[in-house]
């Protein structure tokens, strides 16, 4: 038996040193790492310090018996597989243990083949559970993000694990790493997926307006409040509210947010009556909130309420394997958006991308590829357009300004036509030009026979 490295540790629990010795010899001969404990209390302490995927435990022991240890272990997440070692005549207790969550049991004196058969089955279920969790996590996160790195695979497992559990999640990471996309993945994999998902950027409004926007306000509560508004928490009732840049909330709004998280109720500005809401909160920030607490800018009690589960999204420099797959994804997206044929991609592109630090993370990479596709000629990508890139003799000089502007304008025209589903009048309105001007641009850029085939009322029926 050669189990995966992640499932090779076994915790053996028995008050009889001879039994522990025998089990250790059998299991270590099979390539397993064995830890020992003389009773349930010692086993629990060892498990909490270093969890093992498989626990073999006797039933009758001092301080804490096998049944109590079983109950405490199966309450953990993820729970280990627990196998009971029973004395002859303890079948009734074994059945009770199975009902309480034990994986299996075997009797003393035990047969080596029987023991190993049980251990193999238990470790195989652990391996399959880990594999299923990994695949489920990658599937959940792949619905909103593109990645290939091990760092993001580990994050995906945590997303899959926390999404169905209705707890507050704090997403941390530098600007541009994709915190909002991770929040979307959590929502899509949660029990609230078909309920409202409301987003609010805490830095987008002044303090007074942010408070009214989040918690609602009565008519006339402040200057300009011509009518009452329910607020985003009530709009998200039954669903999820994403508080982006939560570290920017002003102190009064922080106090109100704490009340919502503690009591599940909001009090609109200018009203005396509180309203009950059922909202899962996902918060995101690029700031170190612990440092903000020390500086007196963020409430410590609110941090404790938000930081139930913390997920850190690694910056792009820590996952360079993701740069090529993200670049290909963005190249495909913007080629289709701007209506250009698949562009010839120079071999040097990915070398150039790998050489850049990407301090703006995925957002910077996305913007760089968008500009690269929009401004490059039809013959291929002009790498001099990349951030920090200068033209070399082998690549030739960069495009003149006039040709760059024309390439970008062509992309805007194609995007407007696609958004208008071929309706030229609507496309002209979106671009802020007349229909005559739009027709001139379609002819100039060779688009009259493509998007221009549609009628002014919309796409022709196929």
Protein backbone atom coordinates (compact mmCIF):
# COMPACT_ATOMS: atom_id res chain seq x y z
CA UNK A 1 0.00 0.00 0.00
CA UNK A 2 1.41 3.38 -1.03
CA UNK A 3 -1.09 6.07 -0.06
CA UNK A 4 -0.66 9.71 -1.09
CA UNK A 5 1.63 11.78 1.08
CA UNK A 6 -1.31 13.83 2.38
CA UNK A 7 -2.96 10.69 3.83
CA UNK A 8 0.02 8.79 5.30
CA UNK A 9 -0.34 9.89 8.93
CA UNK A 10 -2.26 7.71 11.38
CA UNK A 11 -2.99 8.44 15.05
CA UNK A 12 -3.09 5.26 17.20
CA UNK A 13 -4.90 5.60 20.55
CA UNK A 14 -4.77 2.85 23.19
CA UNK A 15 -3.88 2.71 26.89
CA UNK A 16 -2.05 -0.60 26.35
CA UNK A 17 1.56 0.04 25.22
CA UNK A 18 1.75 -3.48 23.75
CA UNK A 19 -1.23 -2.86 21.46
CA UNK A 20 0.21 0.49 20.37
CA UNK A 21 3.55 -1.18 19.60
CA UNK A 22 1.89 -3.91 17.51
CA UNK A 23 -0.22 -1.45 15.54
CA UNK A 24 2.77 0.81 14.96
CA UNK A 25 4.86 -2.07 13.60
CA UNK A 26 2.11 -3.19 11.21
CA UNK A 27 1.32 0.30 9.94
CA UNK A 28 4.89 1.57 9.57
CA UNK A 29 5.75 -1.55 7.55
CA UNK A 30 3.12 -0.35 5.10
CA UNK A 31 4.73 3.08 4.71
CA UNK A 32 2.46 4.98 7.13
CA UNK A 33 3.67 7.55 9.67
CA UNK A 34 2.29 6.66 13.11
CA UNK A 35 1.66 8.90 16.12
CA UNK A 36 0.60 7.45 19.46
CA UNK A 37 -1.57 8.54 22.38
CA UNK A 38 -2.40 6.68 25.62
CA UNK A 39 -5.97 7.97 26.00
CA UNK A 40 -8.62 10.15 24.35
CA UNK A 41 -7.56 13.39 26.02
CA UNK A 42 -3.95 13.02 24.85
CA UNK A 43 -5.16 11.99 21.40
CA UNK A 44 -7.37 15.08 21.10
CA UNK A 45 -4.49 17.37 22.06
CA UNK A 46 -2.21 15.70 19.50
CA UNK A 47 -4.88 15.87 16.82
CA UNK A 48 -5.52 19.58 17.40
CA UNK A 49 -1.79 20.29 17.16
CA UNK A 50 -1.36 18.21 13.99
CA UNK A 51 -4.53 16.70 12.47
CA UNK A 52 -4.30 13.20 11.02
CA UNK A 53 -6.67 11.87 8.34
CA UNK A 54 -7.05 8.49 10.10
CA UNK A 55 -7.46 7.65 13.80
CA UNK A 56 -7.41 4.12 15.23
CA UNK A 57 -8.75 4.14 18.79
CA UNK A 58 -9.62 1.71 21.54
CA UNK A 59 -13.05 2.05 23.18
CA UNK A 60 -12.21 1.69 26.87
CA UNK A 61 -9.54 4.11 28.13
CA UNK A 62 -9.02 6.36 31.16
CA UNK A 63 -9.76 10.13 31.19
CA UNK A 64 -11.56 10.11 27.81
CA UNK A 65 -12.86 6.92 26.24
CA UNK A 66 -13.07 6.07 22.54
CA UNK A 67 -16.74 7.07 22.16
CA UNK A 68 -16.17 10.57 23.54
CA UNK A 69 -13.07 10.96 21.36
CA UNK A 70 -15.11 9.84 18.35
CA UNK A 71 -17.84 12.41 19.03
CA UNK A 72 -15.32 15.23 19.30
CA UNK A 73 -13.40 14.23 16.18
CA UNK A 74 -16.41 13.83 13.88
CA UNK A 75 -17.56 17.32 14.91
CA UNK A 76 -14.47 18.81 13.27
CA UNK A 77 -14.27 19.94 9.67
CA UNK A 78 -12.84 18.20 7.85
CA UNK A 79 -13.35 15.21 10.15
CA UNK A 80 -10.86 12.32 10.13
CA UNK A 81 -11.83 8.72 9.49
CA UNK A 82 -12.13 7.04 12.90
CA UNK A 83 -11.74 3.25 13.22
CA UNK A 84 -12.61 1.59 16.56
CA UNK A 85 -10.63 -1.27 18.09
CA UNK A 86 -13.08 -3.33 20.16
CA UNK A 87 -12.72 -6.20 22.58
CA UNK A 88 -14.59 -9.47 22.05
CA UNK A 89 -18.22 -9.08 23.06
CA UNK A 90 -18.32 -5.29 22.41
CA UNK A 91 -20.31 -5.55 19.17
CA UNK A 92 -23.16 -3.48 20.59
CA UNK A 93 -20.80 -0.60 21.36
CA UNK A 94 -19.28 -0.94 17.90
CA UNK A 95 -22.71 -0.54 16.31
CA UNK A 96 -23.34 2.56 18.44
CA UNK A 97 -19.98 3.93 17.33
CA UNK A 98 -20.85 3.39 13.66
CA UNK A 99 -24.11 5.31 14.20
CA UNK A 100 -22.09 8.10 15.85
CA UNK A 101 -19.87 8.46 12.77
CA UNK A 102 -17.11 5.83 13.03
CA UNK A 103 -15.83 4.63 9.67
CA UNK A 104 -15.42 0.98 10.72
CA UNK A 105 -14.18 -1.28 13.54
CA UNK A 106 -12.16 -4.45 14.08
CA UNK A 107 -11.84 -6.76 17.07
CA UNK A 108 -9.04 -7.67 19.45
CA UNK A 109 -7.12 -9.84 19.03
CA UNK A 110 -6.96 -8.52 15.50
CA UNK A 111 -5.93 -10.21 12.30
CA UNK A 112 -3.26 -8.28 10.38
CA UNK A 113 -4.98 -8.74 7.01
CA UNK A 114 -8.31 -7.60 8.43
CA UNK A 115 -6.66 -4.56 10.01
CA UNK A 116 -4.90 -3.56 6.79
CA UNK A 117 -8.06 -4.04 4.72
CA UNK A 118 -9.93 -1.61 6.97
CA UNK A 119 -7.03 0.89 6.92
CA UNK A 120 -6.76 0.74 3.12
CA UNK A 121 -10.48 1.37 2.69
CA UNK A 122 -10.36 4.30 5.10
CA UNK A 123 -7.35 5.90 3.40
CA UNK A 124 -8.91 5.43 -0.02
CA UNK A 125 -12.04 7.29 1.09
CA UNK A 126 -9.81 10.08 2.42
CA UNK A 127 -7.98 10.26 -0.91
CA UNK A 128 -11.24 10.36 -2.87
CA UNK A 129 -12.69 12.98 -0.55
CA UNK A 130 -9.61 15.19 -1.02
CA UNK A 131 -9.77 14.73 -4.79
CA UNK A 132 -13.49 15.52 -4.90
CA UNK A 133 -12.97 18.60 -2.75
CA UNK A 134 -10.13 19.78 -4.99
CA UNK A 135 -12.18 19.28 -8.16
CA UNK A 136 -15.24 20.93 -6.63
CA UNK A 137 -13.11 23.89 -5.57
CA UNK A 138 -11.50 24.31 -8.97
CA UNK A 139 -14.92 24.06 -10.63
CA UNK A 140 -16.36 26.69 -8.27
CA UNK A 141 -13.52 29.16 -8.76
CA UNK A 142 -13.18 28.45 -12.49
CA UNK A 143 -16.71 29.84 -12.97
CA UNK A 144 -15.35 33.33 -12.29
CA UNK A 145 -11.54 33.14 -12.64
CA UNK A 146 -8.82 31.73 -14.91
CA UNK A 147 -5.85 30.10 -13.21
CA UNK A 148 -3.33 27.26 -13.40
CA UNK A 149 -1.16 27.81 -10.30
CA UNK A 150 -1.03 25.62 -7.23
CA UNK A 151 -1.62 28.70 -5.04
CA UNK A 152 -4.99 29.32 -6.71
CA UNK A 153 -5.85 25.61 -6.57
CA UNK A 154 -5.38 25.73 -2.81
CA UNK A 155 -7.58 28.82 -2.65
CA UNK A 156 -10.19 27.00 -4.76
CA UNK A 157 -10.40 24.19 -2.19
CA UNK A 158 -11.04 26.73 0.57
CA UNK A 159 -13.69 28.46 -1.54
CA UNK A 160 -15.50 25.17 -2.07
CA UNK A 161 -15.23 24.38 1.63
CA UNK A 162 -16.54 27.69 2.96
CA UNK A 163 -19.14 28.54 0.29
CA UNK A 164 -21.92 26.21 1.56
CA UNK A 165 -21.27 27.18 5.20
CA UNK A 166 -23.22 30.33 5.94
CA UNK A 167 -20.45 32.34 7.63
CA UNK A 168 -18.98 35.78 7.12
CA UNK A 169 -15.91 35.75 4.87
CA UNK A 170 -13.12 38.34 4.75
CA UNK A 171 -11.19 38.48 1.47
CA UNK A 172 -7.77 40.09 1.64
CA UNK A 173 -5.22 40.83 -1.04
CA UNK A 174 -3.67 43.59 -3.09
CA UNK A 175 -5.74 45.69 -5.47
CA UNK A 176 -6.42 43.92 -8.75
CA UNK A 177 -5.96 40.35 -7.49
CA UNK A 178 -9.59 39.35 -8.11
CA UNK A 179 -11.28 39.61 -4.69
CA UNK A 180 -14.64 40.39 -6.28
CA UNK A 181 -14.33 37.34 -8.55
CA UNK A 182 -13.65 35.14 -5.52
CA UNK A 183 -16.72 36.61 -3.83
CA UNK A 184 -18.80 35.72 -6.89
CA UNK A 185 -17.47 32.15 -6.77
CA UNK A 186 -18.47 31.88 -3.10
CA UNK A 187 -21.97 33.09 -3.87
CA UNK A 188 -22.43 30.76 -6.86
CA UNK A 189 -21.40 27.75 -4.76
CA UNK A 190 -23.55 28.73 -1.77
CA UNK A 191 -27.13 27.95 -0.78
CA UNK A 192 -27.93 31.62 -1.54
CA UNK A 193 -26.90 31.38 -5.19
CA UNK A 194 -30.41 32.10 -6.46
CA UNK A 195 -30.99 34.97 -4.02
CA UNK A 196 -29.90 38.62 -4.37
CA UNK A 197 -26.19 39.35 -4.65
CA UNK A 198 -25.61 43.03 -3.92
CA UNK A 199 -22.22 44.77 -4.19
CA UNK A 200 -21.14 47.99 -2.53
CA UNK A 201 -17.79 49.78 -2.71
CA UNK A 202 -17.32 51.39 0.70
CA UNK A 203 -14.85 53.91 -0.74
CA UNK A 204 -17.19 55.12 -3.48
CA UNK A 205 -19.33 57.53 -1.41
CA UNK A 206 -18.80 60.10 1.37
CA UNK A 207 -19.36 58.77 4.90
CA UNK A 208 -22.92 60.10 5.34
CA UNK A 209 -24.11 58.88 1.96
CA UNK A 210 -22.44 55.49 2.40
CA UNK A 211 -24.32 54.98 5.68
CA UNK A 212 -27.65 55.88 4.07
CA UNK A 213 -26.91 53.68 1.05
CA UNK A 214 -26.12 50.65 3.18
CA UNK A 215 -28.77 50.92 5.88
CA UNK A 216 -31.46 52.98 4.16
CA UNK A 217 -33.01 56.28 5.18
CA UNK A 218 -36.35 57.90 5.85
CA UNK A 219 -37.78 60.63 3.66
CA UNK A 220 -36.25 63.98 4.67
CA UNK A 221 -33.61 62.33 6.88
CA UNK A 222 -31.00 64.63 5.36
CA UNK A 223 -30.72 67.27 2.64
CA UNK A 224 -31.61 65.70 -0.68
CA UNK A 225 -33.48 62.71 0.81
CA UNK A 226 -36.63 63.36 -1.23
CA UNK A 227 -37.93 59.84 -0.68
CA UNK A 228 -37.29 56.92 1.62
CA UNK A 229 -34.91 54.17 0.54
CA UNK A 230 -34.66 50.66 1.97
CA UNK A 231 -30.85 50.40 1.79
CA UNK A 232 -28.61 47.69 0.39
CA UNK A 233 -28.88 45.38 3.40
CA UNK A 234 -32.64 45.14 2.92
CA UNK A 235 -32.19 44.76 -0.84
CA UNK A 236 -29.86 41.82 -0.14
CA UNK A 237 -32.25 40.23 2.40
CA UNK A 238 -32.04 36.46 2.01
CA UNK A 239 -28.92 36.75 -0.13
CA UNK A 240 -25.36 38.06 0.02
CA UNK A 241 -23.85 41.53 0.35
CA UNK A 242 -20.29 42.18 -0.82
CA UNK A 243 -18.65 45.06 1.06
CA UNK A 244 -15.68 45.93 -1.12
CA UNK A 245 -12.94 48.04 0.46
CA UNK A 246 -14.57 47.61 3.88
CA UNK A 247 -11.54 49.23 5.50
CA UNK A 248 -12.71 52.59 4.10
CA UNK A 249 -15.96 52.65 6.13
CA UNK A 250 -16.31 55.66 8.43
CA UNK A 251 -16.64 54.99 12.21
CA UNK A 252 -20.43 55.62 12.41
CA UNK A 253 -21.06 53.15 9.59
CA UNK A 254 -18.69 50.67 11.25
CA UNK A 255 -20.82 50.78 14.41
CA UNK A 256 -23.99 50.14 12.43
CA UNK A 257 -22.37 47.32 10.48
CA UNK A 258 -21.33 45.69 13.76
CA UNK A 259 -24.95 45.80 14.92
CA UNK A 260 -26.14 44.11 11.73
CA UNK A 261 -23.57 41.33 12.11
CA UNK A 262 -24.36 40.85 15.80
CA UNK A 263 -28.13 41.30 15.87
CA UNK A 264 -29.24 40.79 12.28
CA UNK A 265 -31.08 44.09 12.17
CA UNK A 266 -30.65 47.48 10.49
CA UNK A 267 -31.94 50.89 11.49
CA UNK A 268 -32.42 53.30 8.56
CA UNK A 269 -31.12 56.84 8.98
CA UNK A 270 -33.89 59.00 10.43
CA UNK A 271 -35.99 56.07 11.70
CA UNK A 272 -36.46 54.72 15.21
CA UNK A 273 -37.58 51.20 14.27
CA UNK A 274 -35.04 48.52 13.42
CA UNK A 275 -35.67 46.04 10.58
CA UNK A 276 -34.66 42.36 10.73
CA UNK A 277 -32.53 41.16 7.80
CA UNK A 278 -30.97 37.82 6.83
CA UNK A 279 -27.83 38.66 4.87
CA UNK A 280 -24.55 36.83 4.44
CA UNK A 281 -21.70 39.34 4.37
CA UNK A 282 -18.56 38.91 2.30
CA UNK A 283 -16.08 41.71 2.94
CA UNK A 284 -12.99 42.57 0.91
CA UNK A 285 -10.05 44.86 1.55
CA UNK A 286 -6.53 45.55 0.37
CA UNK A 287 -5.67 47.08 3.74
CA UNK A 288 -4.19 45.34 6.79
CA UNK A 289 -7.21 45.69 9.08
CA UNK A 290 -5.21 44.67 12.16
CA UNK A 291 -2.90 47.61 11.46
CA UNK A 292 -5.95 49.84 10.93
CA UNK A 293 -7.21 48.75 14.37
CA UNK A 294 -3.86 49.65 15.97
CA UNK A 295 -3.99 53.05 14.24
CA UNK A 296 -7.49 53.68 15.63
CA UNK A 297 -9.15 53.77 12.22
CA UNK A 298 -11.07 50.48 12.44
CA UNK A 299 -13.08 48.92 15.24
CA UNK A 300 -11.48 45.87 16.80
CA UNK A 301 -14.84 44.25 17.61
CA UNK A 302 -15.94 44.69 13.99
CA UNK A 303 -12.73 43.05 12.76
CA UNK A 304 -13.51 40.01 14.93
CA UNK A 305 -17.00 39.82 13.41
CA UNK A 306 -15.73 40.10 9.83
CA UNK A 307 -12.73 37.81 10.25
CA UNK A 308 -14.67 34.58 10.82
CA UNK A 309 -13.07 33.04 7.74
CA UNK A 310 -10.21 34.86 6.04
CA UNK A 311 -9.15 34.03 2.50
CA UNK A 312 -6.03 35.68 1.07
CA UNK A 313 -5.88 36.06 -2.70
CA UNK A 314 -2.19 35.85 -3.70
CA UNK A 315 -0.75 38.61 -5.91
CA UNK A 316 0.19 37.76 -9.49
CA UNK A 317 3.92 37.81 -8.72
CA UNK A 318 3.39 34.84 -6.37
CA UNK A 319 1.68 32.80 -9.09
CA UNK A 320 3.60 33.47 -12.32
CA UNK A 321 2.14 30.26 -13.85
CA UNK A 322 -1.15 32.14 -14.16
CA UNK A 323 0.25 34.92 -16.36
CA UNK A 324 0.29 32.93 -19.66
CA UNK A 325 -3.19 31.43 -19.19
CA UNK A 326 -4.63 34.79 -18.20
CA UNK A 327 -2.93 36.46 -21.18
CA UNK A 328 -4.38 33.91 -23.61
CA UNK A 329 -7.80 34.35 -22.04
CA UNK A 330 -7.64 38.14 -22.40
CA UNK A 331 -6.24 37.93 -25.95
CA UNK A 332 -9.20 35.78 -26.98
CA UNK A 333 -11.72 37.99 -25.17
CA UNK A 334 -10.52 41.28 -26.64
CA UNK A 335 -9.99 39.89 -30.13
CA UNK A 336 -13.66 38.90 -30.16
CA UNK A 337 -14.77 42.15 -28.53
CA UNK A 338 -12.93 44.33 -31.05
CA UNK A 339 -13.90 42.17 -34.02
CA UNK A 340 -10.36 41.41 -35.14
CA UNK A 341 -9.12 38.14 -36.57
CA UNK A 342 -6.94 36.00 -34.29
CA UNK A 343 -3.71 37.94 -34.12
CA UNK A 344 -0.28 36.45 -34.71
CA UNK A 345 1.25 36.10 -31.25
CA UNK A 346 5.05 36.62 -31.24
CA UNK A 347 7.10 34.08 -29.30
CA UNK A 348 8.51 36.95 -27.26
CA UNK A 349 5.10 37.95 -25.86
CA UNK A 350 5.10 35.58 -22.91
CA UNK A 351 8.76 36.34 -22.16
CA UNK A 352 7.85 40.01 -21.98
CA UNK A 353 4.86 39.29 -19.75
CA UNK A 354 6.93 37.10 -17.43
CA UNK A 355 9.56 39.80 -17.09
CA UNK A 356 7.06 42.38 -15.80
CA UNK A 357 6.29 42.58 -12.04
CA UNK A 358 2.56 43.41 -12.54
CA UNK A 359 2.16 45.58 -9.43
CA UNK A 360 -1.46 46.11 -10.47
CA UNK A 361 -1.96 42.34 -10.60
CA UNK A 362 -4.63 40.76 -12.85
CA UNK A 363 -6.35 44.09 -13.47
CA UNK A 364 -3.13 45.59 -14.84
CA UNK A 365 -2.52 42.54 -17.03
CA UNK A 366 -6.08 42.70 -18.37
CA UNK A 367 -5.77 46.40 -19.21
CA UNK A 368 -2.37 45.82 -20.86
CA UNK A 369 -3.75 43.08 -23.11
CA UNK A 370 -6.83 45.16 -23.96
CA UNK A 371 -4.64 48.05 -25.08
CA UNK A 372 -2.31 45.68 -26.93
CA UNK A 373 -5.16 44.15 -28.96
CA UNK A 374 -6.91 47.47 -29.58
CA UNK A 375 -3.81 49.27 -30.85
CA UNK A 376 -1.93 46.51 -32.70
CA UNK A 377 -2.08 46.26 -36.51
CA UNK A 378 -3.86 43.38 -38.26
CA UNK A 379 -0.53 41.69 -39.04
CA UNK A 380 0.23 40.88 -35.42
CA UNK A 381 0.75 42.17 -31.89
CA UNK A 382 2.98 45.21 -31.42
CA UNK A 383 4.95 44.33 -28.27
CA UNK A 384 6.21 47.88 -27.89
CA UNK A 385 2.74 48.68 -26.54
CA UNK A 386 3.28 46.54 -23.44
CA UNK A 387 4.08 48.30 -20.15
CA UNK A 388 7.78 48.98 -19.76
CA UNK A 389 8.55 47.72 -23.27
CA UNK A 390 10.64 49.67 -25.73
CA UNK A 391 10.90 48.82 -29.41
CA UNK A 392 13.93 46.80 -30.51
CA UNK A 393 15.53 46.65 -33.91
CA UNK A 394 14.17 43.15 -34.48
CA UNK A 395 10.62 44.27 -33.81
CA UNK A 396 10.79 47.49 -35.76
CA UNK A 397 9.51 50.89 -34.64
CA UNK A 398 6.18 51.22 -32.86
CA UNK A 399 3.09 52.21 -34.83
CA UNK A 400 2.66 55.90 -35.57
CA UNK A 401 0.15 57.70 -33.34
CA UNK A 402 -2.42 58.08 -36.17
CA UNK A 403 -2.51 54.31 -36.83
CA UNK A 404 -2.81 53.56 -33.12
CA UNK A 405 -5.77 55.91 -32.80
CA UNK A 406 -7.44 54.37 -35.87
CA UNK A 407 -6.96 50.84 -34.51
CA UNK A 408 -8.51 51.84 -31.20
CA UNK A 409 -11.41 53.63 -32.93
CA UNK A 410 -12.10 50.56 -35.08
CA UNK A 411 -12.35 48.46 -31.92
CA UNK A 412 -14.84 50.90 -30.39
CA UNK A 413 -17.02 50.81 -33.51
CA UNK A 414 -17.10 47.00 -33.57
CA UNK A 415 -17.90 46.84 -29.86
CA UNK A 416 -20.76 49.34 -30.25
CA UNK A 417 -22.24 47.40 -33.18
CA UNK A 418 -22.06 44.16 -31.25
CA UNK A 419 -23.69 45.73 -28.17
CA UNK A 420 -26.45 47.12 -30.43
CA UNK A 421 -26.87 43.69 -32.12
CA UNK A 422 -26.12 45.24 -35.51
CA UNK A 423 -28.59 48.13 -35.19
CA UNK A 424 -26.64 51.02 -36.73
CA UNK A 425 -28.89 53.73 -35.30
CA UNK A 426 -28.40 52.36 -31.78
CA UNK A 427 -24.66 51.89 -32.37
CA UNK A 428 -24.34 55.51 -33.51
CA UNK A 429 -26.23 56.63 -30.41
CA UNK A 430 -23.88 54.61 -28.17
CA UNK A 431 -20.84 56.15 -29.88
CA UNK A 432 -22.28 59.67 -29.76
CA UNK A 433 -22.03 60.19 -33.55
CA UNK A 434 -24.50 60.54 -36.41
CA UNK A 435 -25.56 57.61 -38.61
CA UNK A 436 -23.72 59.22 -41.56
CA UNK A 437 -20.50 59.39 -39.54
CA UNK A 438 -20.91 55.77 -38.49
CA UNK A 439 -21.39 54.68 -42.15
CA UNK A 440 -18.21 56.54 -43.10
CA UNK A 441 -16.26 54.76 -40.38
CA UNK A 442 -17.68 51.37 -41.40
CA UNK A 443 -16.44 51.93 -44.97
CA UNK A 444 -13.08 53.29 -43.80
CA UNK A 445 -12.36 50.28 -41.60
CA UNK A 446 -13.72 47.67 -44.01
CA UNK A 447 -16.67 46.81 -41.79
CA UNK A 448 -19.56 47.62 -44.12
CA UNK A 449 -19.82 44.01 -45.27
CA UNK A 450 -19.60 42.54 -41.79
CA UNK A 451 -21.57 44.23 -39.02
CA UNK A 452 -23.07 46.55 -41.64
CA UNK A 453 -25.17 43.77 -43.18
CA UNK A 454 -27.71 44.05 -40.38
CA UNK A 455 -30.79 46.26 -40.74
CA UNK A 456 -31.40 49.34 -38.66
CA UNK A 457 -34.05 47.45 -36.71
CA UNK A 458 -31.62 44.82 -35.48
CA UNK A 459 -30.10 41.54 -36.63
CA UNK A 460 -31.85 39.77 -39.47
CA UNK A 461 -33.61 36.53 -38.59
CA UNK A 462 -31.51 33.54 -39.56
